[in-house]
Every structure is written in C-alpha cells, then in structure tokens.
Amino acid sequence: MPASPPKPCKKQGCRAITTNTNGFCDAHQDDAKKLEEQYKRYRQKRISSAQRGYGTHWQRVRSWQLSEHPLCEICKHAAIVVHHKDHNQYNNSPDNLMSLCRDCHERIHKRKR
C-alpha cells in the first residue's frame, strides 16, 4: 500500500508535516492518545439513539422524510437532519417534520458548531 501524502499536524499551532495515519506529528503523539482516550470515554457514556427514543420506526420516518425533501428547508443545501418543529420526538406526522442541514439545525437549537 502506498504511503499517504504528507499533511500538516492536527495539533493547533504546529507547523510540522506528517504522514502518520492519526494526523499528528511524532512530537504530538501523546496528544493524539489523550484525544483517543477522551473519545472512548465519551462513547462509553453516551446512550444509543434507540435508548433516546429514536428506534427503527424513527429511522424509517427519517429516511422517508429525507427522500421526499432532500434539501434543507431553510438554506437549500443537502439535508442530513430531520427536525421536529414542535420539539416532540414522538409526533412524527409529516407536517411536523423539517429536513435541515446540520448548520441550520444547530442554529435552530442555538448550539455552537
């Protein structure tokens, strides 16, 4: 397998070039390990989408909504999120659903991205 092309280190402010698969230069491998451990702990604590109330029925509703309305209803970019207008995750009627891009969805919920 050919070596990957050199890329800048992912550590903010580092100007080194690396071909390491994790994207960090040799000097910042400890930072890469710390990030990996943080991510593992996050994934272990996070509950599944089914446990949050988004099971197979929701997956079918979401797929249908995105196939019928593939563009964000606000900015017309590609939609990847289905939003409940009334914020009730159990009200899956078509008039309560909006197809949105990630940025518009975060803006509606006033979250930073």
N, C-alpha and C. Protein backbone atom coordinates (compact mmCIF):
# COMPACT_ATOMS: atom_id res chain seq x y z
N MET A 1 0.84 -1.18 0.00
CA MET A 1 0.00 0.00 0.00
C MET A 1 0.89 1.24 0.00
N PRO A 2 0.63 2.21 -0.89
CA PRO A 2 1.48 3.40 -0.94
C PRO A 2 1.30 4.27 0.29
N ALA A 3 2.36 4.98 0.62
CA ALA A 3 2.31 5.88 1.77
C ALA A 3 1.37 7.04 1.47
N SER A 4 0.71 7.53 2.52
CA SER A 4 -0.19 8.66 2.33
C SER A 4 0.64 9.93 2.14
N PRO A 5 0.09 10.91 1.44
CA PRO A 5 0.84 12.15 1.23
C PRO A 5 1.02 12.91 2.55
N PRO A 6 2.09 13.64 2.69
CA PRO A 6 2.33 14.39 3.92
C PRO A 6 1.24 15.46 4.12
N LYS A 7 0.85 15.62 5.38
CA LYS A 7 -0.18 16.60 5.74
C LYS A 7 0.28 17.37 6.98
N PRO A 8 -0.27 18.55 7.21
CA PRO A 8 0.08 19.29 8.42
C PRO A 8 -0.41 18.55 9.67
N CYS A 9 0.32 18.69 10.75
CA CYS A 9 -0.06 18.10 12.03
C CYS A 9 -1.39 18.69 12.49
N LYS A 10 -2.24 17.87 13.12
CA LYS A 10 -3.55 18.33 13.59
C LYS A 10 -3.47 19.18 14.85
N LYS A 11 -2.34 19.17 15.52
CA LYS A 11 -2.19 19.97 16.74
C LYS A 11 -2.19 21.44 16.37
N GLN A 12 -3.08 22.20 16.97
CA GLN A 12 -3.21 23.62 16.65
C GLN A 12 -1.90 24.35 16.91
N GLY A 13 -1.44 25.09 15.92
CA GLY A 13 -0.22 25.87 16.04
C GLY A 13 1.04 25.13 15.61
N CYS A 14 0.96 23.83 15.41
CA CYS A 14 2.13 23.06 14.99
C CYS A 14 2.29 23.18 13.48
N ARG A 15 3.51 23.43 13.03
CA ARG A 15 3.77 23.60 11.61
C ARG A 15 4.45 22.37 10.99
N ALA A 16 4.54 21.30 11.76
CA ALA A 16 5.21 20.09 11.26
C ALA A 16 4.33 19.39 10.22
N ILE A 17 4.99 18.66 9.34
CA ILE A 17 4.32 17.86 8.32
C ILE A 17 4.46 16.39 8.74
N THR A 18 3.39 15.62 8.57
CA THR A 18 3.43 14.23 9.00
C THR A 18 2.75 13.31 7.99
N THR A 19 3.15 12.05 8.04
CA THR A 19 2.48 11.02 7.25
C THR A 19 1.84 9.99 8.18
N ASN A 20 1.83 10.26 9.49
CA ASN A 20 1.20 9.35 10.45
C ASN A 20 -0.29 9.25 10.16
N THR A 21 -0.84 8.06 10.33
CA THR A 21 -2.25 7.84 10.00
C THR A 21 -3.21 8.60 10.91
N ASN A 22 -2.80 8.92 12.14
CA ASN A 22 -3.69 9.65 13.04
C ASN A 22 -3.63 11.17 12.82
N GLY A 23 -2.73 11.63 11.96
CA GLY A 23 -2.66 13.04 11.62
C GLY A 23 -1.81 13.90 12.53
N PHE A 24 -1.21 13.33 13.55
CA PHE A 24 -0.36 14.08 14.47
C PHE A 24 1.09 13.76 14.19
N CYS A 25 1.96 14.77 14.30
CA CYS A 25 3.39 14.55 14.09
C CYS A 25 3.95 13.74 15.26
N ASP A 26 5.19 13.31 15.13
CA ASP A 26 5.81 12.48 16.17
C ASP A 26 5.87 13.21 17.52
N ALA A 27 6.06 14.52 17.50
CA ALA A 27 6.15 15.28 18.75
C ALA A 27 4.81 15.36 19.48
N HIS A 28 3.71 15.15 18.78
CA HIS A 28 2.38 15.29 19.39
C HIS A 28 1.60 13.98 19.48
N GLN A 29 2.29 12.86 19.50
CA GLN A 29 1.62 11.57 19.61
C GLN A 29 0.92 11.41 20.97
N ASP A 30 1.47 12.04 22.02
CA ASP A 30 0.81 11.98 23.33
C ASP A 30 -0.55 12.67 23.27
N ASP A 31 -0.64 13.79 22.56
CA ASP A 31 -1.92 14.49 22.40
C ASP A 31 -2.92 13.62 21.65
N ALA A 32 -2.45 12.89 20.66
CA ALA A 32 -3.32 12.00 19.90
C ALA A 32 -3.88 10.90 20.80
N LYS A 33 -3.05 10.36 21.67
CA LYS A 33 -3.51 9.31 22.58
C LYS A 33 -4.52 9.85 23.58
N LYS A 34 -4.30 11.06 24.08
CA LYS A 34 -5.24 11.68 25.01
C LYS A 34 -6.60 11.89 24.35
N LEU A 35 -6.58 12.38 23.13
CA LEU A 35 -7.84 12.59 22.41
C LEU A 35 -8.57 11.27 22.17
N GLU A 36 -7.83 10.24 21.83
CA GLU A 36 -8.43 8.93 21.60
C GLU A 36 -9.08 8.40 22.87
N GLU A 37 -8.41 8.56 24.01
CA GLU A 37 -8.97 8.12 25.29
C GLU A 37 -10.22 8.92 25.65
N GLN A 38 -10.19 10.24 25.42
CA GLN A 38 -11.37 11.07 25.70
C GLN A 38 -12.56 10.61 24.86
N TYR A 39 -12.30 10.31 23.59
CA TYR A 39 -13.36 9.88 22.70
C TYR A 39 -13.93 8.53 23.15
N LYS A 40 -13.07 7.61 23.58
CA LYS A 40 -13.53 6.31 24.06
C LYS A 40 -14.43 6.48 25.28
N ARG A 41 -14.02 7.34 26.23
CA ARG A 41 -14.84 7.57 27.42
C ARG A 41 -16.18 8.20 27.05
N TYR A 42 -16.17 9.12 26.10
CA TYR A 42 -17.41 9.76 25.64
C TYR A 42 -18.35 8.72 25.05
N ARG A 43 -17.83 7.85 24.18
CA ARG A 43 -18.66 6.84 23.53
C ARG A 43 -19.24 5.84 24.54
N GLN A 44 -18.48 5.54 25.60
CA GLN A 44 -18.96 4.60 26.60
C GLN A 44 -20.11 5.20 27.42
N LYS A 45 -20.07 6.51 27.68
CA LYS A 45 -21.12 7.16 28.47
C LYS A 45 -22.38 7.46 27.65
N ARG A 46 -22.23 7.66 26.36
CA ARG A 46 -23.34 8.07 25.52
C ARG A 46 -24.31 6.91 25.33
N ILE A 47 -25.59 7.20 25.47
CA ILE A 47 -26.59 6.15 25.25
C ILE A 47 -26.94 6.11 23.77
N SER A 48 -27.47 4.99 23.32
CA SER A 48 -27.76 4.81 21.91
C SER A 48 -28.96 5.65 21.48
N SER A 49 -29.12 5.83 20.18
CA SER A 49 -30.26 6.58 19.66
C SER A 49 -31.57 5.87 19.99
N ALA A 50 -31.57 4.55 20.01
CA ALA A 50 -32.77 3.80 20.37
C ALA A 50 -33.14 4.05 21.83
N GLN A 51 -32.15 4.14 22.70
CA GLN A 51 -32.41 4.43 24.11
C GLN A 51 -32.91 5.86 24.30
N ARG A 52 -32.58 6.76 23.37
CA ARG A 52 -33.07 8.13 23.44
C ARG A 52 -34.44 8.30 22.79
N GLY A 53 -35.03 7.20 22.30
CA GLY A 53 -36.37 7.27 21.73
C GLY A 53 -36.41 7.28 20.22
N TYR A 54 -35.29 7.05 19.56
CA TYR A 54 -35.23 7.06 18.10
C TYR A 54 -34.90 5.65 17.60
N GLY A 55 -35.91 4.77 17.60
CA GLY A 55 -35.72 3.38 17.21
C GLY A 55 -35.92 3.17 15.71
N THR A 56 -36.29 1.94 15.35
CA THR A 56 -36.43 1.59 13.93
C THR A 56 -37.56 2.35 13.25
N HIS A 57 -38.64 2.61 14.00
CA HIS A 57 -39.75 3.38 13.40
C HIS A 57 -39.24 4.76 12.99
N TRP A 58 -38.48 5.40 13.88
CA TRP A 58 -37.95 6.73 13.57
C TRP A 58 -36.99 6.66 12.37
N GLN A 59 -36.18 5.63 12.29
CA GLN A 59 -35.24 5.51 11.17
C GLN A 59 -35.99 5.44 9.84
N ARG A 60 -37.12 4.74 9.82
CA ARG A 60 -37.92 4.67 8.60
C ARG A 60 -38.55 6.02 8.28
N VAL A 61 -39.08 6.71 9.30
CA VAL A 61 -39.68 8.04 9.10
C VAL A 61 -38.62 9.01 8.60
N ARG A 62 -37.44 8.97 9.20
CA ARG A 62 -36.35 9.86 8.81
C ARG A 62 -35.93 9.61 7.36
N SER A 63 -35.77 8.35 6.99
CA SER A 63 -35.40 8.02 5.61
C SER A 63 -36.44 8.51 4.62
N TRP A 64 -37.72 8.32 4.95
CA TRP A 64 -38.79 8.78 4.07
C TRP A 64 -38.73 10.30 3.92
N GLN A 65 -38.59 11.02 5.05
CA GLN A 65 -38.56 12.49 5.02
C GLN A 65 -37.40 13.00 4.16
N LEU A 66 -36.22 12.41 4.32
CA LEU A 66 -35.07 12.87 3.55
C LEU A 66 -35.17 12.51 2.08
N SER A 67 -35.86 11.42 1.76
CA SER A 67 -36.03 11.07 0.35
C SER A 67 -37.06 11.99 -0.32
N GLU A 68 -38.08 12.38 0.43
CA GLU A 68 -39.10 13.28 -0.12
C GLU A 68 -38.63 14.73 -0.17
N HIS A 69 -37.82 15.13 0.81
CA HIS A 69 -37.33 16.51 0.92
C HIS A 69 -35.82 16.49 1.13
N PRO A 70 -35.03 16.28 0.07
CA PRO A 70 -33.59 16.10 0.23
C PRO A 70 -32.81 17.39 0.50
N LEU A 71 -33.45 18.55 0.35
CA LEU A 71 -32.75 19.81 0.57
C LEU A 71 -33.19 20.46 1.87
N CYS A 72 -32.28 21.18 2.50
CA CYS A 72 -32.59 21.92 3.72
C CYS A 72 -33.71 22.91 3.41
N GLU A 73 -34.71 22.93 4.24
CA GLU A 73 -35.86 23.80 4.01
C GLU A 73 -35.57 25.26 4.31
N ILE A 74 -34.39 25.55 4.87
CA ILE A 74 -34.01 26.93 5.15
C ILE A 74 -33.02 27.46 4.12
N CYS A 75 -31.90 26.75 3.92
CA CYS A 75 -30.84 27.28 3.05
C CYS A 75 -30.68 26.52 1.72
N LYS A 76 -31.43 25.45 1.52
CA LYS A 76 -31.43 24.67 0.28
C LYS A 76 -30.14 23.89 0.04
N HIS A 77 -29.30 23.68 1.07
CA HIS A 77 -28.16 22.76 0.95
C HIS A 77 -28.68 21.34 1.18
N ALA A 78 -27.83 20.35 1.01
CA ALA A 78 -28.23 18.96 1.22
C ALA A 78 -28.64 18.74 2.67
N ALA A 79 -29.80 18.16 2.88
CA ALA A 79 -30.32 17.91 4.23
C ALA A 79 -29.79 16.59 4.76
N ILE A 80 -29.41 16.57 6.04
CA ILE A 80 -28.97 15.33 6.67
C ILE A 80 -29.67 15.11 8.01
N VAL A 81 -30.45 16.08 8.47
CA VAL A 81 -31.11 16.01 9.76
C VAL A 81 -32.61 16.21 9.55
N VAL A 82 -33.42 15.46 10.30
CA VAL A 82 -34.86 15.69 10.30
C VAL A 82 -35.22 16.27 11.66
N HIS A 83 -35.85 17.44 11.64
CA HIS A 83 -36.16 18.20 12.85
C HIS A 83 -37.66 18.13 13.13
N HIS A 84 -38.02 17.97 14.41
CA HIS A 84 -39.41 18.05 14.84
C HIS A 84 -39.73 19.50 15.15
N LYS A 85 -40.65 20.10 14.43
CA LYS A 85 -40.98 21.51 14.61
C LYS A 85 -41.48 21.80 16.02
N ASP A 86 -42.29 20.90 16.58
CA ASP A 86 -42.83 21.14 17.92
C ASP A 86 -41.94 20.56 19.03
N HIS A 87 -40.76 20.07 18.68
CA HIS A 87 -39.77 19.51 19.61
C HIS A 87 -40.29 18.27 20.35
N ASN A 88 -41.36 17.65 19.85
CA ASN A 88 -41.89 16.41 20.43
C ASN A 88 -41.42 15.26 19.55
N GLN A 89 -40.48 14.47 20.04
CA GLN A 89 -39.88 13.41 19.23
C GLN A 89 -40.85 12.29 18.88
N TYR A 90 -42.00 12.26 19.52
CA TYR A 90 -42.99 11.22 19.23
C TYR A 90 -44.04 11.66 18.21
N ASN A 91 -44.06 12.94 17.86
CA ASN A 91 -45.01 13.45 16.87
C ASN A 91 -44.34 13.40 15.50
N ASN A 92 -44.50 12.29 14.81
CA ASN A 92 -43.82 12.08 13.53
C ASN A 92 -44.73 12.32 12.34
N SER A 93 -45.72 13.18 12.50
CA SER A 93 -46.59 13.48 11.36
C SER A 93 -45.79 14.32 10.36
N PRO A 94 -46.02 14.12 9.06
CA PRO A 94 -45.23 14.83 8.05
C PRO A 94 -45.25 16.35 8.18
N ASP A 95 -46.35 16.93 8.65
CA ASP A 95 -46.39 18.38 8.78
C ASP A 95 -45.60 18.89 9.99
N ASN A 96 -45.11 17.99 10.84
CA ASN A 96 -44.29 18.37 11.99
C ASN A 96 -42.80 18.18 11.72
N LEU A 97 -42.43 17.65 10.56
CA LEU A 97 -41.03 17.34 10.27
C LEU A 97 -40.45 18.34 9.28
N MET A 98 -39.17 18.65 9.47
CA MET A 98 -38.42 19.54 8.58
C MET A 98 -37.10 18.88 8.23
N SER A 99 -36.74 18.86 6.96
CA SER A 99 -35.42 18.41 6.54
C SER A 99 -34.48 19.61 6.65
N LEU A 100 -33.34 19.42 7.33
CA LEU A 100 -32.40 20.51 7.55
C LEU A 100 -30.97 20.04 7.35
N CYS A 101 -30.08 20.99 7.04
CA CYS A 101 -28.65 20.70 7.07
C CYS A 101 -28.21 20.81 8.53
N ARG A 102 -27.03 20.32 8.84
CA ARG A 102 -26.55 20.32 10.22
C ARG A 102 -26.44 21.75 10.77
N ASP A 103 -25.92 22.70 9.97
CA ASP A 103 -25.75 24.06 10.46
C ASP A 103 -27.08 24.71 10.82
N CYS A 104 -28.08 24.57 9.98
CA CYS A 104 -29.39 25.17 10.27
C CYS A 104 -30.03 24.52 11.49
N HIS A 105 -29.86 23.21 11.65
CA HIS A 105 -30.41 22.52 12.81
C HIS A 105 -29.76 23.03 14.09
N GLU A 106 -28.44 23.20 14.07
CA GLU A 106 -27.74 23.72 15.24
C GLU A 106 -28.18 25.15 15.54
N ARG A 107 -28.40 25.94 14.49
CA ARG A 107 -28.85 27.32 14.66
C ARG A 107 -30.23 27.36 15.32
N ILE A 108 -31.14 26.47 14.91
CA ILE A 108 -32.48 26.42 15.50
C ILE A 108 -32.39 26.10 16.99
N HIS A 109 -31.49 25.20 17.35
CA HIS A 109 -31.35 24.82 18.76
C HIS A 109 -30.37 25.71 19.52
N LYS A 110 -29.86 26.75 18.83
CA LYS A 110 -28.94 27.72 19.43
C LYS A 110 -27.70 27.05 20.03
N ARG A 111 -27.16 26.07 19.27
CA ARG A 111 -25.93 25.39 19.69
C ARG A 111 -24.81 25.83 18.76
N LYS A 112 -23.60 25.85 19.32
CA LYS A 112 -22.43 26.19 18.51
C LYS A 112 -21.96 24.95 17.80
N ARG A 113 -21.44 25.16 16.61
CA ARG A 113 -20.89 24.03 15.86
C ARG A 113 -19.46 24.26 15.57
